[in-house]
Protein backbone atom coordinates (compact mmCIF):
# COMPACT_ATOMS: atom_id res chain seq x y z
CA MET A 1 8.91 -1.58 68.54
CA ILE A 2 8.70 -3.53 65.28
CA PRO A 3 11.10 -2.36 62.58
CA PRO A 4 9.39 -1.44 59.27
CA ARG A 5 9.56 -4.07 56.57
CA ARG A 6 11.71 -3.29 53.61
CA VAL A 7 9.70 -3.58 50.44
CA PRO A 8 11.78 -4.07 47.32
CA PRO A 9 11.15 -1.41 44.67
CA LYS A 10 8.67 -2.37 41.96
CA GLN A 11 10.23 -3.45 38.74
CA PRO A 12 8.81 -1.56 35.77
CA ARG A 13 6.78 -3.67 33.41
CA PRO A 14 8.40 -4.38 30.09
CA HIS A 15 7.06 -1.97 27.46
CA ARG A 16 4.78 -3.71 24.97
CA PRO A 17 5.19 -2.06 21.58
CA THR A 18 2.09 -0.61 20.01
CA GLU A 19 0.88 -1.77 16.62
CA ALA A 20 2.34 1.36 15.02
CA GLU A 21 5.72 0.68 16.67
CA GLU A 22 5.66 -2.91 15.42
CA ILE A 23 5.06 -1.72 11.86
CA LEU A 24 7.30 1.34 11.81
CA GLY A 25 9.91 0.27 14.38
CA THR A 26 10.85 1.94 17.63
CA GLU A 27 14.00 3.73 16.51
CA ASP A 28 13.90 7.41 15.65
CA ALA A 29 12.93 7.84 12.04
CA SER A 30 12.66 10.77 9.73
CA LEU A 31 9.58 11.44 7.64
CA LEU A 32 11.41 10.01 4.63
CA ASP A 33 12.08 6.75 6.52
CA ILE A 34 8.41 6.48 7.49
CA VAL A 35 7.14 7.11 3.95
CA ASP A 36 9.67 4.65 2.52
CA ASN A 37 8.60 1.99 5.01
CA LEU A 38 4.90 2.57 4.28
CA LEU A 39 5.42 2.34 0.52
CA ASN A 40 7.49 -0.83 0.87
CA LYS A 41 4.79 -2.51 2.94
CA GLY A 42 1.79 -0.85 1.27
CA VAL A 43 -1.12 1.04 2.77
CA VAL A 44 -4.83 0.73 1.99
CA LEU A 45 -7.03 3.76 2.61
CA THR A 46 -10.79 3.24 2.56
CA GLY A 47 -13.70 5.60 2.85
CA ASP A 48 -17.35 6.10 2.08
CA VAL A 49 -18.89 9.00 0.18
CA THR A 50 -22.60 9.73 0.25
CA LEU A 51 -24.20 12.46 -1.84
CA GLY A 52 -27.69 13.44 -0.90
CA LEU A 53 -30.34 16.07 -1.30
CA ALA A 54 -32.96 16.93 1.33
CA GLN A 55 -31.76 14.05 3.53
CA ILE A 56 -32.28 11.55 0.70
CA GLU A 57 -29.21 9.58 -0.27
CA LEU A 58 -28.76 9.77 -4.03
CA VAL A 59 -25.27 8.39 -4.57
CA TYR A 60 -23.23 6.13 -2.30
CA ALA A 61 -19.66 5.15 -3.13
CA ARG A 62 -17.18 3.06 -1.19
CA LEU A 63 -13.64 4.01 -2.14
CA SER A 64 -10.40 2.09 -1.57
CA LEU A 65 -6.97 3.38 -2.42
CA LEU A 66 -3.80 1.29 -2.43
CA LEU A 67 -0.54 3.17 -1.90
CA SER A 68 2.49 1.04 -2.58
CA ALA A 69 5.80 1.16 -4.35
CA ALA A 70 5.45 0.15 -8.00
CA ASP A 71 8.12 -2.54 -7.73
CA ARG A 72 5.98 -4.23 -5.05
CA VAL A 73 2.88 -4.27 -7.25
CA LEU A 74 4.71 -5.15 -10.50
CA PRO A 75 7.77 -7.15 -9.37
CA GLY A 76 8.55 -8.50 -12.86
CA GLU A 77 8.65 -5.10 -14.55
CA ASN A 78 11.83 -3.86 -16.16
CA PRO A 79 13.20 -1.05 -13.97
CA ASP A 80 14.38 0.94 -17.02
CA PHE A 81 11.48 3.20 -18.04
CA ILE A 82 12.65 3.73 -21.65
CA GLU A 83 13.04 0.00 -22.38
CA ARG A 84 9.66 -0.71 -20.75
CA HIS A 85 8.03 2.04 -22.84
CA HIS A 86 9.48 0.69 -26.10
CA ALA A 87 8.44 -2.89 -25.26
CA ARG A 88 4.84 -1.78 -24.58
CA HIS A 89 4.80 0.34 -27.73
CA GLU A 90 5.95 -2.65 -29.84
CA LEU A 91 3.32 -4.87 -28.21
CA ARG A 92 0.58 -2.35 -29.05
CA LYS A 93 1.75 -2.16 -32.66
CA ARG A 94 1.71 -5.99 -33.00
CA ARG A 95 -1.79 -6.19 -31.49
CA ALA A 96 -3.11 -3.46 -33.79
CA LEU A 97 -1.57 -5.20 -36.81
CA ALA A 98 -3.04 -8.56 -35.75
CA ALA A 99 -6.49 -6.97 -35.32
CA ARG A 100 -6.40 -5.60 -38.90
CA MET A 101 -5.45 -8.89 -40.53
CA PRO A 102 -8.35 -11.07 -41.67
CA ARG A 103 -8.75 -14.28 -39.75
CA ARG A 104 -8.35 -17.53 -41.61
CA THR A 105 -11.37 -19.79 -41.69
CA ARG A 106 -11.00 -23.49 -41.24
CA ALA A 107 -12.18 -25.72 -44.05
């Protein structure tokens, strides 16, 4: 009688992370962590809208929406809202004043 061969147990394959796990990470995360991560990296949502009447397309629109944290889009902005508001207000006043002044003509 031939003794049965001992077959070593199969080693489980290493888990390849999915694309979502690569972006969000594999650790447990709360909804707040996920939203924070998405806003830091940025998300683009795209879609198409078609308005029609009697199976005739009248209006077609392709929409894209960028969701990102403001400091990622405008990295040089002053984080203080009040100072930023006053600086923009002063800039608008200077531009309005410059638009009212007559331009000098060259001789």
